[in-house]
Amino acid sequence: MSRVGKYPVPVPAGVQVALQGRTLVAKGRNGELKLDLTDDEVALYAGQLSSVLQYFQRLQEVDTSHVEPTASVLPLSNVFREDIAETPLDPDEVIRNAPDAVDHQFRVSAVLGDE
């Protein structure tokens, strides 16, 4: 099985996919599919595409019927810490490294025109 969007798409056994010149060719028992690529696409993908497609062919041979669909192979965990109130920073300490400050406030350039 392959996935397009949310829906599984069955990929029949015996389908062969290859890059032939400027054309991507997929052959199976029900026919042949060809996709013409531009010269730039061929130059960019030629070396990579054939090896990727061969690897996909190998993956199609793997029996995944016993594997449950999942969004992640990693266990989910909460990465947020508890919200614990602590002693606040001193205002002088907060603005110590600010490029410009007035009355314990950061001073920045106007971003909405000349206001």
Protein backbone atom coordinates (compact mmCIF):
# COMPACT_ATOMS: atom_id res chain seq x y z
CA MET A 1 0.00 0.00 0.00
CA SER A 2 1.00 3.55 -0.62
CA ARG A 3 -0.64 6.70 0.72
CA VAL A 4 -1.88 9.73 -1.15
CA GLY A 5 -3.29 12.26 1.28
CA LYS A 6 -5.46 10.46 3.85
CA TYR A 7 -6.46 7.50 1.70
CA PRO A 8 -4.48 4.31 1.10
CA VAL A 9 -3.72 3.51 -2.54
CA PRO A 10 -2.99 -0.13 -3.39
CA VAL A 11 0.17 -0.61 -5.45
CA PRO A 12 0.02 -3.93 -7.33
CA ALA A 13 2.87 -6.40 -7.03
CA GLY A 14 5.07 -6.57 -10.10
CA VAL A 15 4.97 -2.87 -10.94
CA GLN A 16 8.32 -1.67 -12.27
CA VAL A 17 9.32 1.99 -12.21
CA ALA A 18 12.33 3.48 -14.01
CA LEU A 19 13.72 6.72 -15.39
CA GLN A 20 14.34 6.43 -19.14
CA GLY A 21 16.00 9.55 -20.48
CA ARG A 22 13.55 12.39 -19.80
CA THR A 23 10.62 10.07 -19.11
CA LEU A 24 9.53 8.44 -15.86
CA VAL A 25 8.00 5.07 -16.74
CA ALA A 26 5.86 2.83 -14.52
CA LYS A 27 4.95 -0.58 -16.00
CA GLY A 28 2.53 -3.07 -14.57
CA ARG A 29 0.13 -5.79 -15.66
CA ASN A 30 -2.55 -3.19 -16.43
CA GLY A 31 -0.41 -1.03 -18.67
CA GLU A 32 2.22 1.65 -18.67
CA LEU A 33 2.37 5.19 -17.27
CA LYS A 34 4.79 7.79 -18.61
CA LEU A 35 5.63 11.21 -17.20
CA ASP A 36 7.85 13.55 -19.23
CA LEU A 37 10.32 15.62 -17.22
CA THR A 38 11.95 18.93 -18.16
CA ASP A 39 15.72 19.10 -18.76
CA ASP A 40 16.17 20.85 -15.41
CA GLU A 41 14.15 18.15 -13.62
CA VAL A 42 16.19 15.41 -15.31
CA ALA A 43 19.46 17.05 -14.28
CA LEU A 44 18.24 17.53 -10.73
CA TYR A 45 16.63 14.13 -10.19
CA ALA A 46 18.37 11.69 -12.57
CA GLY A 47 20.88 10.31 -10.11
CA GLN A 48 18.53 10.30 -7.17
CA LEU A 49 15.25 9.25 -8.73
CA SER A 50 16.22 5.82 -10.02
CA SER A 51 17.69 4.73 -6.68
CA VAL A 52 14.71 6.11 -4.77
CA LEU A 53 12.26 4.34 -7.06
CA GLN A 54 14.17 1.06 -6.78
CA TYR A 55 14.02 1.38 -3.00
CA PHE A 56 10.26 1.98 -3.18
CA GLN A 57 9.96 -1.20 -5.23
CA ARG A 58 11.75 -3.10 -2.46
CA LEU A 59 9.44 -1.56 0.14
CA GLN A 60 6.39 -2.74 -1.80
CA GLU A 61 7.54 -6.32 -1.22
CA VAL A 62 7.41 -5.93 2.58
CA ASP A 63 4.33 -7.43 4.22
CA THR A 64 2.80 -4.67 6.36
CA SER A 65 -0.64 -6.24 6.75
CA HIS A 66 -0.02 -6.80 10.46
CA VAL A 67 1.19 -3.22 11.11
CA GLU A 68 -1.35 -0.73 12.46
CA PRO A 69 -1.48 2.67 10.73
CA THR A 70 0.26 5.33 12.80
CA ALA A 71 1.22 8.98 12.56
CA SER A 72 4.51 8.44 14.40
CA VAL A 73 6.79 5.53 15.21
CA LEU A 74 7.97 7.26 18.36
CA PRO A 75 6.06 7.18 21.63
CA LEU A 76 4.19 10.38 22.40
CA SER A 77 5.09 12.29 25.52
CA ASN A 78 4.29 15.67 27.00
CA VAL A 79 7.33 17.91 26.54
CA PHE A 80 5.92 20.80 28.52
CA ARG A 81 7.04 21.42 32.07
CA GLU A 82 4.75 22.32 34.93
CA ASP A 83 3.94 26.02 35.14
CA ILE A 84 5.62 26.95 38.40
CA ALA A 85 5.67 30.55 39.59
CA GLU A 86 9.14 31.76 40.46
CA THR A 87 10.67 35.01 41.64
CA PRO A 88 10.41 37.53 38.77
CA LEU A 89 13.49 39.19 37.32
CA ASP A 90 14.42 42.67 38.45
CA PRO A 91 13.41 45.28 35.78
CA ASP A 92 16.98 46.62 35.64
CA GLU A 93 18.27 43.11 34.98
CA VAL A 94 15.70 42.55 32.22
CA ILE A 95 16.67 45.61 30.17
CA ARG A 96 20.41 45.52 30.95
CA ASN A 97 21.35 44.28 27.44
CA ALA A 98 18.65 46.15 25.53
CA PRO A 99 20.01 48.44 22.80
CA ASP A 100 17.61 51.19 23.91
CA ALA A 101 15.29 51.48 26.91
CA VAL A 102 13.18 54.17 28.58
CA ASP A 103 11.63 53.80 32.06
CA HIS A 104 12.25 50.03 32.26
CA GLN A 105 10.67 49.48 28.83
CA PHE A 106 12.28 48.32 25.60
CA ARG A 107 12.43 51.09 23.01
CA VAL A 108 12.18 49.90 19.38
CA SER A 109 11.87 51.53 15.98
CA ALA A 110 8.39 52.15 14.61
CA VAL A 111 7.15 49.30 12.46
CA LEU A 112 3.86 50.82 11.23
CA GLY A 113 5.04 53.95 9.49
CA ASP A 114 6.04 57.30 10.99
CA GLU A 115 3.90 57.06 14.10
